[in-house]
Amino acid sequence: MRHALKFSVVHHFADDTNLLCINSSLKQLKKHLNIDLKHLSSWLKANKISLNVSKTEILIFRNPKKKINYDLKLKLDGKRLYPTKFVKYLGILIDPHLNWSFHTRTLA
């Protein structure tokens, strides 16, 4: 799969796969991610691997002072993906600002 993607780095753990794409321009991020999502979909189909798109999550890391005033319009297999407020990864709740307050509140 790593060779199928041009702009993203792949991280695997058990049955979880994560893509990391870095770009300071939201417009370029959208372009690069949509290209890689299309390649990912083709690679999965060619290798007869299914993906539950409804469980796919997008998290955009950013400075808390910066608002996103741009609609990313990311798609995977024709289905729109929307950014989430946090993702659970290896039991840790990660938010877009990496401040951990949401995660620590859930532990109490």
PDB file of N, CA and C in Angstrom:
ATOM      1  N   MET A   1       0.814  -1.186   0.000  1.00  0.00           N
ATOM      2  CA  MET A   1       0.000   0.000   0.000  1.00  0.00           C
ATOM      3  C   MET A   1       0.864   1.260   0.000  1.00  0.00           C
ATOM      4  N   ARG A   2       1.989   1.206   0.692  1.00  0.00           N
ATOM      5  CA  ARG A   2       2.855   2.383   0.788  1.00  0.00           C
ATOM      6  C   ARG A   2       3.259   2.923  -0.577  1.00  0.00           C
ATOM      7  N   HIS A   3       3.401   2.030  -1.536  1.00  0.00           N
ATOM      8  CA  HIS A   3       3.844   2.445  -2.863  1.00  0.00           C
ATOM      9  C   HIS A   3       2.692   3.000  -3.699  1.00  0.00           C
ATOM     10  N   ALA A   4       1.459   2.765  -3.258  1.00  0.00           N
ATOM     11  CA  ALA A   4       0.300   3.256  -4.000  1.00  0.00           C
ATOM     12  C   ALA A   4       0.008   4.724  -3.699  1.00  0.00           C
ATOM     13  N   LEU A   5       0.546   5.225  -2.584  1.00  0.00           N
ATOM     14  CA  LEU A   5       0.256   6.591  -2.165  1.00  0.00           C
ATOM     15  C   LEU A   5       1.417   7.519  -2.492  1.00  0.00           C
ATOM     16  N   LYS A   6       1.099   8.705  -2.986  1.00  0.00           N
ATOM     17  CA  LYS A   6       2.145   9.660  -3.379  1.00  0.00           C
ATOM     18  C   LYS A   6       2.450  10.687  -2.295  1.00  0.00           C
ATOM     19  N   PHE A   7       1.433  11.093  -1.529  1.00  0.00           N
ATOM     20  CA  PHE A   7       1.592  12.236  -0.640  1.00  0.00           C
ATOM     21  C   PHE A   7       1.450  11.899   0.845  1.00  0.00           C
ATOM     22  N   SER A   8       0.950  10.744   1.159  1.00  0.00           N
ATOM     23  CA  SER A   8       0.681  10.378   2.550  1.00  0.00           C
ATOM     24  C   SER A   8       1.641   9.301   3.031  1.00  0.00           C
ATOM     25  N   VAL A   9       1.884   9.327   4.327  1.00  0.00           N
ATOM     26  CA  VAL A   9       2.673   8.291   4.988  1.00  0.00           C
ATOM     27  C   VAL A   9       1.676   7.347   5.657  1.00  0.00           C
ATOM     28  N   VAL A  10       1.925   6.049   5.554  1.00  0.00           N
ATOM     29  CA  VAL A  10       1.013   5.046   6.103  1.00  0.00           C
ATOM     30  C   VAL A  10       1.554   4.522   7.428  1.00  0.00           C
ATOM     31  N   HIS A  11       0.653   4.406   8.410  1.00  0.00           N
ATOM     32  CA  HIS A  11       0.980   3.805   9.700  1.00  0.00           C
ATOM     33  C   HIS A  11      -0.046   2.709   9.971  1.00  0.00           C
ATOM     34  N   HIS A  12       0.441   1.512  10.315  1.00  0.00           N
ATOM     35  CA  HIS A  12      -0.442   0.374  10.597  1.00  0.00           C
ATOM     36  C   HIS A  12      -0.283  -0.054  12.049  1.00  0.00           C
ATOM     37  N   PHE A  13      -1.385  -0.463  12.647  1.00  0.00           N
ATOM     38  CA  PHE A  13      -1.357  -1.138  13.933  1.00  0.00           C
ATOM     39  C   PHE A  13      -2.548  -2.077  13.960  1.00  0.00           C
ATOM     40  N   ALA A  14      -2.284  -3.373  14.062  1.00  0.00           N
ATOM     41  CA  ALA A  14      -3.326  -4.406  14.025  1.00  0.00           C
ATOM     42  C   ALA A  14      -4.172  -4.200  12.764  1.00  0.00           C
ATOM     43  N   ASP A  15      -5.478  -3.976  12.925  1.00  0.00           N
ATOM     44  CA  ASP A  15      -6.325  -3.795  11.748  1.00  0.00           C
ATOM     45  C   ASP A  15      -6.622  -2.324  11.458  1.00  0.00           C
ATOM     46  N   ASP A  16      -5.883  -1.421  12.098  1.00  0.00           N
ATOM     47  CA  ASP A  16      -6.053   0.011  11.848  1.00  0.00           C
ATOM     48  C   ASP A  16      -4.976   0.519  10.888  1.00  0.00           C
ATOM     49  N   THR A  17      -5.395   1.335   9.952  1.00  0.00           N
ATOM     50  CA  THR A  17      -4.467   1.973   9.034  1.00  0.00           C
ATOM     51  C   THR A  17      -4.694   3.466   9.105  1.00  0.00           C
ATOM     52  N   ASN A  18      -3.622   4.209   9.237  1.00  0.00           N
ATOM     53  CA  ASN A  18      -3.697   5.667   9.319  1.00  0.00           C
ATOM     54  C   ASN A  18      -2.839   6.277   8.235  1.00  0.00           C
ATOM     55  N   LEU A  19      -3.375   7.313   7.608  1.00  0.00           N
ATOM     56  CA  LEU A  19      -2.617   8.080   6.629  1.00  0.00           C
ATOM     57  C   LEU A  19      -2.291   9.431   7.246  1.00  0.00           C
ATOM     58  N   LEU A  20      -1.087   9.884   7.052  1.00  0.00           N
ATOM     59  CA  LEU A  20      -0.675  11.198   7.517  1.00  0.00           C
ATOM     60  C   LEU A  20      -0.212  11.993   6.303  1.00  0.00           C
ATOM     61  N   CYS A  21      -0.897  13.092   6.052  1.00  0.00           N
ATOM     62  CA  CYS A  21      -0.554  13.965   4.934  1.00  0.00           C
ATOM     63  C   CYS A  21      -0.331  15.355   5.517  1.00  0.00           C
ATOM     64  N   ILE A  22       0.815  15.935   5.212  1.00  0.00           N
ATOM     65  CA  ILE A  22       1.185  17.226   5.784  1.00  0.00           C
ATOM     66  C   ILE A  22       1.271  18.270   4.678  1.00  0.00           C
ATOM     67  N   ASN A  23       0.576  19.395   4.919  1.00  0.00           N
ATOM     68  CA  ASN A  23       0.662  20.511   3.990  1.00  0.00           C
ATOM     69  C   ASN A  23       0.108  21.750   4.682  1.00  0.00           C
ATOM     70  N   SER A  24       0.764  22.874   4.529  1.00  0.00           N
ATOM     71  CA  SER A  24       0.289  24.107   5.164  1.00  0.00           C
ATOM     72  C   SER A  24      -0.855  24.748   4.381  1.00  0.00           C
ATOM     73  N   SER A  25      -1.057  24.338   3.153  1.00  0.00           N
ATOM     74  CA  SER A  25      -2.147  24.862   2.317  1.00  0.00           C
ATOM     75  C   SER A  25      -3.309  23.875   2.333  1.00  0.00           C
ATOM     76  N   LEU A  26      -4.488  24.329   2.783  1.00  0.00           N
ATOM     77  CA  LEU A  26      -5.658  23.449   2.791  1.00  0.00           C
ATOM     78  C   LEU A  26      -6.057  23.034   1.388  1.00  0.00           C
ATOM     79  N   LYS A  27      -5.862  23.925   0.435  1.00  0.00           N
ATOM     80  CA  LYS A  27      -6.191  23.611  -0.959  1.00  0.00           C
ATOM     81  C   LYS A  27      -5.311  22.463  -1.470  1.00  0.00           C
ATOM     82  N   GLN A  28      -4.017  22.531  -1.186  1.00  0.00           N
ATOM     83  CA  GLN A  28      -3.100  21.460  -1.598  1.00  0.00           C
ATOM     84  C   GLN A  28      -3.376  20.180  -0.807  1.00  0.00           C
ATOM     85  N   LEU A  29      -3.702  20.323   0.471  1.00  0.00           N
ATOM     86  CA  LEU A  29      -4.024  19.161   1.298  1.00  0.00           C
ATOM     87  C   LEU A  29      -5.209  18.410   0.708  1.00  0.00           C
ATOM     88  N   LYS A  30      -6.243  19.143   0.339  1.00  0.00           N
ATOM     89  CA  LYS A  30      -7.423  18.533  -0.286  1.00  0.00           C
ATOM     90  C   LYS A  30      -7.028  17.783  -1.555  1.00  0.00           C
ATOM     91  N   LYS A  31      -6.262  18.431  -2.395  1.00  0.00           N
ATOM     92  CA  LYS A  31      -5.839  17.816  -3.663  1.00  0.00           C
ATOM     93  C   LYS A  31      -5.033  16.541  -3.407  1.00  0.00           C
ATOM     94  N   HIS A  32      -4.041  16.631  -2.534  1.00  0.00           N
ATOM     95  CA  HIS A  32      -3.177  15.480  -2.260  1.00  0.00           C
ATOM     96  C   HIS A  32      -3.940  14.333  -1.594  1.00  0.00           C
ATOM     97  N   LEU A  33      -4.780  14.665  -0.630  1.00  0.00           N
ATOM     98  CA  LEU A  33      -5.536  13.605   0.043  1.00  0.00           C
ATOM     99  C   LEU A  33      -6.513  12.920  -0.902  1.00  0.00           C
ATOM    100  N   ASN A  34      -7.194  13.668  -1.738  1.00  0.00           N
ATOM    101  CA  ASN A  34      -8.134  13.043  -2.673  1.00  0.00           C
ATOM    102  C   ASN A  34      -7.412  12.140  -3.669  1.00  0.00           C
ATOM    103  N   ILE A  35      -6.225  12.530  -4.085  1.00  0.00           N
ATOM    104  CA  ILE A  35      -5.426  11.661  -4.969  1.00  0.00           C
ATOM    105  C   ILE A  35      -5.071  10.376  -4.226  1.00  0.00           C
ATOM    106  N   ASP A  36      -4.567  10.503  -3.006  1.00  0.00           N
ATOM    107  CA  ASP A  36      -4.173   9.316  -2.243  1.00  0.00           C
ATOM    108  C   ASP A  36      -5.367   8.453  -1.859  1.00  0.00           C
ATOM    109  N   LEU A  37      -6.504   9.069  -1.552  1.00  0.00           N
ATOM    110  CA  LEU A  37      -7.698   8.279  -1.230  1.00  0.00           C
ATOM    111  C   LEU A  37      -8.173   7.486  -2.445  1.00  0.00           C
ATOM    112  N   LYS A  38      -8.043   8.070  -3.614  1.00  0.00           N
ATOM    113  CA  LYS A  38      -8.409   7.362  -4.842  1.00  0.00           C
ATOM    114  C   LYS A  38      -7.449   6.186  -5.074  1.00  0.00           C
ATOM    115  N   HIS A  39      -6.152   6.423  -4.871  1.00  0.00           N
ATOM    116  CA  HIS A  39      -5.164   5.341  -5.029  1.00  0.00           C
ATOM    117  C   HIS A  39      -5.371   4.256  -3.968  1.00  0.00           C
ATOM    118  N   LEU A  40      -5.691   4.669  -2.757  1.00  0.00           N
ATOM    119  CA  LEU A  40      -5.955   3.708  -1.684  1.00  0.00           C
ATOM    120  C   LEU A  40      -7.138   2.822  -2.041  1.00  0.00           C
ATOM    121  N   SER A  41      -8.208   3.417  -2.512  1.00  0.00           N
ATOM    122  CA  SER A  41      -9.388   2.658  -2.901  1.00  0.00           C
ATOM    123  C   SER A  41      -9.061   1.651  -4.003  1.00  0.00           C
ATOM    124  N   SER A  42      -8.308   2.074  -4.998  1.00  0.00           N
ATOM    125  CA  SER A  42      -7.916   1.168  -6.092  1.00  0.00           C
ATOM    126  C   SER A  42      -7.057   0.029  -5.575  1.00  0.00           C
ATOM    127  N   TRP A  43      -6.112   0.342  -4.674  1.00  0.00           N
ATOM    128  CA  TRP A  43      -5.230  -0.675  -4.120  1.00  0.00           C
ATOM    129  C   TRP A  43      -6.030  -1.693  -3.306  1.00  0.00           C
ATOM    130  N   LEU A  44      -6.955  -1.203  -2.492  1.00  0.00           N
ATOM    131  CA  LEU A  44      -7.781  -2.109  -1.683  1.00  0.00           C
ATOM    132  C   LEU A  44      -8.615  -3.035  -2.570  1.00  0.00           C
ATOM    133  N   LYS A  45      -9.228  -2.492  -3.600  1.00  0.00           N
ATOM    134  CA  LYS A  45     -10.041  -3.303  -4.520  1.00  0.00           C
ATOM    135  C   LYS A  45      -9.180  -4.328  -5.241  1.00  0.00           C
ATOM    136  N   ALA A  46      -8.003  -3.921  -5.704  1.00  0.00           N
ATOM    137  CA  ALA A  46      -7.108  -4.844  -6.419  1.00  0.00           C
ATOM    138  C   ALA A  46      -6.650  -5.985  -5.523  1.00  0.00           C
ATOM    139  N   ASN A  47      -6.560  -5.728  -4.221  1.00  0.00           N
ATOM    140  CA  ASN A  47      -6.119  -6.751  -3.269  1.00  0.00           C
ATOM    141  C   ASN A  47      -7.273  -7.398  -2.515  1.00  0.00           C
ATOM    142  N   LYS A  48      -8.504  -7.155  -3.012  1.00  0.00           N
ATOM    143  CA  LYS A  48      -9.721  -7.741  -2.457  1.00  0.00           C
ATOM    144  C   LYS A  48      -9.859  -7.501  -0.950  1.00  0.00           C
ATOM    145  N   ILE A  49      -9.593  -6.266  -0.541  1.00  0.00           N
ATOM    146  CA  ILE A  49      -9.714  -5.858   0.856  1.00  0.00           C
ATOM    147  C   ILE A  49     -10.850  -4.843   0.945  1.00  0.00           C
ATOM    148  N   SER A  50     -11.742  -5.061   1.906  1.00  0.00           N
ATOM    149  CA  SER A  50     -12.859  -4.128   2.051  1.00  0.00           C
ATOM    150  C   SER A  50     -12.530  -3.069   3.100  1.00  0.00           C
ATOM    151  N   LEU A  51     -13.174  -1.937   2.951  1.00  0.00           N
ATOM    152  CA  LEU A  51     -12.983  -0.819   3.865  1.00  0.00           C
ATOM    153  C   LEU A  51     -14.360  -0.286   4.230  1.00  0.00           C
ATOM    154  N   ASN A  52     -14.596  -0.095   5.517  1.00  0.00           N
ATOM    155  CA  ASN A  52     -15.855   0.476   5.967  1.00  0.00           C
ATOM    156  C   ASN A  52     -15.704   1.994   5.975  1.00  0.00           C
ATOM    157  N   VAL A  53     -16.178   2.634   4.925  1.00  0.00           N
ATOM    158  CA  VAL A  53     -16.019   4.076   4.771  1.00  0.00           C
ATOM    159  C   VAL A  53     -16.721   4.820   5.902  1.00  0.00           C
ATOM    160  N   SER A  54     -17.808   4.259   6.428  1.00  0.00           N
ATOM    161  CA  SER A  54     -18.534   4.943   7.503  1.00  0.00           C
ATOM    162  C   SER A  54     -17.712   5.015   8.797  1.00  0.00           C
ATOM    163  N   LYS A  55     -16.682   4.186   8.929  1.00  0.00           N
ATOM    164  CA  LYS A  55     -15.814   4.234  10.104  1.00  0.00           C
ATOM    165  C   LYS A  55     -14.545   5.052   9.857  1.00  0.00           C
ATOM    166  N   THR A  56     -14.412   5.586   8.655  1.00  0.00           N
ATOM    167  CA  THR A  56     -13.234   6.367   8.304  1.00  0.00           C
ATOM    168  C   THR A  56     -13.354   7.762   8.905  1.00  0.00           C
ATOM    169  N   GLU A  57     -12.288   8.212   9.547  1.00  0.00           N
ATOM    170  CA  GLU A  57     -12.297   9.520  10.208  1.00  0.00           C
ATOM    171  C   GLU A  57     -11.175  10.396   9.677  1.00  0.00           C
ATOM    172  N   ILE A  58     -11.432  11.686   9.660  1.00  0.00           N
ATOM    173  CA  ILE A  58     -10.452  12.680   9.234  1.00  0.00           C
ATOM    174  C   ILE A  58     -10.218  13.635  10.403  1.00  0.00           C
ATOM    175  N   LEU A  59      -8.973  13.886  10.706  1.00  0.00           N
ATOM    176  CA  LEU A  59      -8.623  14.850  11.748  1.00  0.00           C
ATOM    177  C   LEU A  59      -7.577  15.789  11.163  1.00  0.00           C
ATOM    178  N   ILE A  60      -7.843  17.082  11.247  1.00  0.00           N
ATOM    179  CA  ILE A  60      -6.922  18.075  10.705  1.00  0.00           C
ATOM    180  C   ILE A  60      -6.226  18.754  11.867  1.00  0.00           C
ATOM    181  N   PHE A  61      -4.946  18.445  12.044  1.00  0.00           N
ATOM    182  CA  PHE A  61      -4.172  19.065  13.122  1.00  0.00           C
ATOM    183  C   PHE A  61      -3.883  20.516  12.754  1.00  0.00           C
ATOM    184  N   ARG A  62      -4.099  21.398  13.746  1.00  0.00           N
ATOM    185  CA  ARG A  62      -3.869  22.817  13.477  1.00  0.00           C
ATOM    186  C   ARG A  62      -3.722  23.591  14.781  1.00  0.00           C
ATOM    187  N   ASN A  63      -3.219  24.792  14.652  1.00  0.00           N
ATOM    188  CA  ASN A  63      -3.113  25.717  15.757  1.00  0.00           C
ATOM    189  C   ASN A  63      -4.527  26.089  16.199  1.00  0.00           C
ATOM    190  N   PRO A  64      -4.826  26.093  17.511  1.00  0.00           N
ATOM    191  CA  PRO A  64      -6.183  26.414  17.951  1.00  0.00           C
ATOM    192  C   PRO A  64      -6.629  27.828  17.568  1.00  0.00           C
ATOM    193  N   LYS A  65      -5.693  28.706  17.288  1.00  0.00           N
ATOM    194  CA  LYS A  65      -6.039  30.076  16.911  1.00  0.00           C
ATOM    195  C   LYS A  65      -6.428  30.189  15.435  1.00  0.00           C
ATOM    196  N   LYS A  66      -6.159  29.135  14.665  1.00  0.00           N
ATOM    197  CA  LYS A  66      -6.473  29.160  13.237  1.00  0.00           C
ATOM    198  C   LYS A  66      -7.769  28.411  12.980  1.00  0.00           C
ATOM    199  N   LYS A  67      -8.701  29.097  12.384  1.00  0.00           N
ATOM    200  CA  LYS A  67      -9.977  28.487  11.989  1.00  0.00           C
ATOM    201  C   LYS A  67      -9.839  27.958  10.569  1.00  0.00           C
ATOM    202  N   ILE A  68     -10.605  26.940  10.287  1.00  0.00           N
ATOM    203  CA  ILE A  68     -10.617  26.401   8.929  1.00  0.00           C
ATOM    204  C   ILE A  68     -11.791  27.032   8.199  1.00  0.00           C
ATOM    205  N   ASN A  69     -11.488  27.885   7.250  1.00  0.00           N
ATOM    206  CA  ASN A  69     -12.515  28.546   6.450  1.00  0.00           C
ATOM    207  C   ASN A  69     -12.503  28.003   5.027  1.00  0.00           C
ATOM    208  N   TYR A  70     -12.321  26.704   4.925  1.00  0.00           N
ATOM    209  CA  TYR A  70     -12.206  26.088   3.610  1.00  0.00           C
ATOM    210  C   TYR A  70     -12.851  24.716   3.683  1.00  0.00           C
ATOM    211  N   ASP A  71     -13.718  24.419   2.743  1.00  0.00           N
ATOM    212  CA  ASP A  71     -14.394  23.128   2.707  1.00  0.00           C
ATOM    213  C   ASP A  71     -13.492  22.125   1.976  1.00  0.00           C
ATOM    214  N   LEU A  72     -12.992  21.139   2.711  1.00  0.00           N
ATOM    215  CA  LEU A  72     -12.037  20.203   2.115  1.00  0.00           C
ATOM    216  C   LEU A  72     -12.642  19.293   1.057  1.00  0.00           C
ATOM    217  N   LYS A  73     -13.886  18.909   1.192  1.00  0.00           N
ATOM    218  CA  LYS A  73     -14.551  18.017   0.233  1.00  0.00           C
ATOM    219  C   LYS A  73     -13.684  16.806  -0.097  1.00  0.00           C
ATOM    220  N   LEU A  74     -13.439  15.982   0.912  1.00  0.00           N
ATOM    221  CA  LEU A  74     -12.679  14.748   0.719  1.00  0.00           C
ATOM    222  C   LEU A  74     -13.651  13.611   0.451  1.00  0.00           C
ATOM    223  N   LYS A  75     -13.283  12.735  -0.494  1.00  0.00           N
ATOM    224  CA  LYS A  75     -14.159  11.615  -0.838  1.00  0.00           C
ATOM    225  C   LYS A  75     -13.364  10.321  -0.901  1.00  0.00           C
ATOM    226  N   LEU A  76     -14.046   9.264  -0.465  1.00  0.00           N
ATOM    227  CA  LEU A  76     -13.495   7.912  -0.551  1.00  0.00           C
ATOM    228  C   LEU A  76     -14.592   7.020  -1.091  1.00  0.00           C
ATOM    229  N   ASP A  77     -14.352   6.401  -2.217  1.00  0.00           N
ATOM    230  CA  ASP A  77     -15.355   5.564  -2.896  1.00  0.00           C
ATOM    231  C   ASP A  77     -16.659   6.315  -3.130  1.00  0.00           C
ATOM    232  N   GLY A  78     -16.551   7.592  -3.471  1.00  0.00           N
ATOM    233  CA  GLY A  78     -17.727   8.394  -3.768  1.00  0.00           C
ATOM    234  C   GLY A  78     -18.473   8.908  -2.555  1.00  0.00           C
ATOM    235  N   LYS A  79     -18.008   8.564  -1.368  1.00  0.00           N
ATOM    236  CA  LYS A  79     -18.669   9.013  -0.144  1.00  0.00           C
ATOM    237  C   LYS A  79     -17.851  10.123   0.498  1.00  0.00           C
ATOM    238  N   ARG A  80     -18.538  11.150   0.928  1.00  0.00           N
ATOM    239  CA  ARG A  80     -17.888  12.322   1.516  1.00  0.00           C
ATOM    240  C   ARG A  80     -17.369  12.012   2.914  1.00  0.00           C
ATOM    241  N   LEU A  81     -16.161  12.463   3.192  1.00  0.00           N
ATOM    242  CA  LEU A  81     -15.561  12.327   4.518  1.00  0.00           C
ATOM    243  C   LEU A  81     -15.534  13.706   5.169  1.00  0.00           C
ATOM    244  N   TYR A  82     -15.926  13.753   6.442  1.00  0.00           N
ATOM    245  CA  TYR A  82     -15.957  15.015   7.164  1.00  0.00           C
ATOM    246  C   TYR A  82     -14.970  14.964   8.323  1.00  0.00           C
ATOM    247  N   PRO A  83     -14.290  16.084   8.591  1.00  0.00           N
ATOM    248  CA  PRO A  83     -13.387  16.116   9.747  1.00  0.00           C
ATOM    249  C   PRO A  83     -14.156  15.894  11.050  1.00  0.00           C
ATOM    250  N   THR A  84     -13.514  15.214  11.998  1.00  0.00           N
ATOM    251  CA  THR A  84     -14.125  14.953  13.298  1.00  0.00           C
ATOM    252  C   THR A  84     -13.456  15.823  14.354  1.00  0.00           C
ATOM    253  N   LYS A  85     -14.074  15.861  15.547  1.00  0.00           N
ATOM    254  CA  LYS A  85     -13.524  16.665  16.645  1.00  0.00           C
ATOM    255  C   LYS A  85     -12.388  15.946  17.352  1.00  0.00           C
ATOM    256  N   PHE A  86     -12.384  14.618  17.273  1.00  0.00           N
ATOM    257  CA  PHE A  86     -11.298  13.830  17.846  1.00  0.00           C
ATOM    258  C   PHE A  86     -11.345  12.434  17.243  1.00  0.00           C
ATOM    259  N   VAL A  87     -10.243  11.704  17.340  1.00  0.00           N
ATOM    260  CA  VAL A  87     -10.197  10.298  16.940  1.00  0.00           C
ATOM    261  C   VAL A  87      -9.609   9.492  18.096  1.00  0.00           C
ATOM    262  N   LYS A  88     -10.039   8.261  18.186  1.00  0.00           N
ATOM    263  CA  LYS A  88      -9.473   7.365  19.184  1.00  0.00           C
ATOM    264  C   LYS A  88      -8.412   6.522  18.489  1.00  0.00           C
ATOM    265  N   TYR A  89      -7.192   6.604  18.992  1.00  0.00           N
ATOM    266  CA  TYR A  89      -6.076   5.861  18.407  1.00  0.00           C
ATOM    267  C   TYR A  89      -5.302   5.199  19.527  1.00  0.00           C
ATOM    268  N   LEU A  90      -5.252   3.873  19.491  1.00  0.00           N
ATOM    269  CA  LEU A  90      -4.570   3.085  20.517  1.00  0.00           C
ATOM    270  C   LEU A  90      -5.045   3.462  21.923  1.00  0.00           C
ATOM    271  N   GLY A  91      -6.351   3.715  22.056  1.00  0.00           N
ATOM    272  CA  GLY A  91      -6.941   4.009  23.348  1.00  0.00           C
ATOM    273  C   GLY A  91      -6.805   5.455  23.791  1.00  0.00           C
ATOM    274  N   ILE A  92      -6.211   6.289  22.971  1.00  0.00           N
ATOM    275  CA  ILE A  92      -6.018   7.696  23.322  1.00  0.00           C
ATOM    276  C   ILE A  92      -6.912   8.549  22.427  1.00  0.00           C
ATOM    277  N   LEU A  93      -7.615   9.507  23.031  1.00  0.00           N
ATOM    278  CA  LEU A  93      -8.433  10.439  22.259  1.00  0.00           C
ATOM    279  C   LEU A  93      -7.567  11.621  21.849  1.00  0.00           C
ATOM    280  N   ILE A  94      -7.421  11.784  20.550  1.00  0.00           N
ATOM    281  CA  ILE A  94      -6.557  12.842  20.005  1.00  0.00           C
ATOM    282  C   ILE A  94      -7.441  13.906  19.370  1.00  0.00           C
ATOM    283  N   ASP A  95      -7.208  15.167  19.738  1.00  0.00           N
ATOM    284  CA  ASP A  95      -7.979  16.264  19.151  1.00  0.00           C
ATOM    285  C   ASP A  95      -7.099  17.027  18.158  1.00  0.00           C
ATOM    286  N   PRO A  96      -7.698  17.927  17.382  1.00  0.00           N
ATOM    287  CA  PRO A  96      -6.931  18.629  16.336  1.00  0.00           C
ATOM    288  C   PRO A  96      -5.819  19.531  16.854  1.00  0.00           C
ATOM    289  N   HIS A  97      -5.871  19.882  18.145  1.00  0.00           N
ATOM    290  CA  HIS A  97      -4.883  20.797  18.690  1.00  0.00           C
ATOM    291  C   HIS A  97      -3.846  20.100  19.573  1.00  0.00           C
ATOM    292  N   LEU A  98      -3.982  18.789  19.712  1.00  0.00           N
ATOM    293  CA  LEU A  98      -3.073  17.976  20.523  1.00  0.00           C
ATOM    294  C   LEU A  98      -2.917  18.521  21.940  1.00  0.00           C
ATOM    295  N   ASN A  99      -4.041  18.918  22.561  1.00  0.00           N
ATOM    296  CA  ASN A  99      -3.916  19.464  23.908  1.00  0.00           C
ATOM    297  C   ASN A  99      -4.316  18.478  25.005  1.00  0.00           C
ATOM    298  N   TRP A 100      -4.868  17.334  24.668  1.00  0.00           N
ATOM    299  CA  TRP A 100      -5.143  16.214  25.572  1.00  0.00           C
ATOM    300  C   TRP A 100      -6.225  16.465  26.612  1.00  0.00           C
ATOM    301  N   SER A 101      -6.805  17.658  26.688  1.00  0.00           N
ATOM    302  CA  SER A 101      -7.795  17.941  27.735  1.00  0.00           C
ATOM    303  C   SER A 101      -9.036  17.049  27.573  1.00  0.00           C
ATOM    304  N   PHE A 102      -9.481  16.807  26.352  1.00  0.00           N
ATOM    305  CA  PHE A 102     -10.639  15.947  26.154  1.00  0.00           C
ATOM    306  C   PHE A 102     -10.346  14.527  26.627  1.00  0.00           C
ATOM    307  N   HIS A 103      -9.171  14.032  26.301  1.00  0.00           N
ATOM    308  CA  HIS A 103      -8.781  12.686  26.719  1.00  0.00           C
ATOM    309  C   HIS A 103      -8.707  12.575  28.245  1.00  0.00           C
ATOM    310  N   THR A 104      -8.081  13.540  28.896  1.00  0.00           N
ATOM    311  CA  THR A 104      -7.933  13.454  30.352  1.00  0.00           C
ATOM    312  C   THR A 104      -9.280  13.595  31.062  1.00  0.00           C
ATOM    313  N   ARG A 105     -10.232  14.347  30.484  1.00  0.00           N
ATOM    314  CA  ARG A 105     -11.572  14.443  31.071  1.00  0.00           C
ATOM    315  C   ARG A 105     -12.295  13.111  31.027  1.00  0.00           C
ATOM    316  N   THR A 106     -12.047  12.312  29.989  1.00  0.00           N
ATOM    317  CA  THR A 106     -12.718  11.018  29.882  1.00  0.00           C
ATOM    318  C   THR A 106     -12.145   9.992  30.846  1.00  0.00           C
ATOM    319  N   LEU A 107     -10.958  10.250  31.358  1.00  0.00           N
ATOM    320  CA  LEU A 107     -10.336   9.312  32.305  1.00  0.00           C
ATOM    321  C   LEU A 107     -10.856   9.484  33.723  1.00  0.00           C
ATOM    322  N   ALA A 108     -11.376  10.647  34.038  1.00  0.00           N
ATOM    323  CA  ALA A 108     -11.818  10.949  35.409  1.00  0.00           C
ATOM    324  C   ALA A 108     -13.121  10.278  35.747  1.00  0.00           C
TER     325      ALA A 108
END
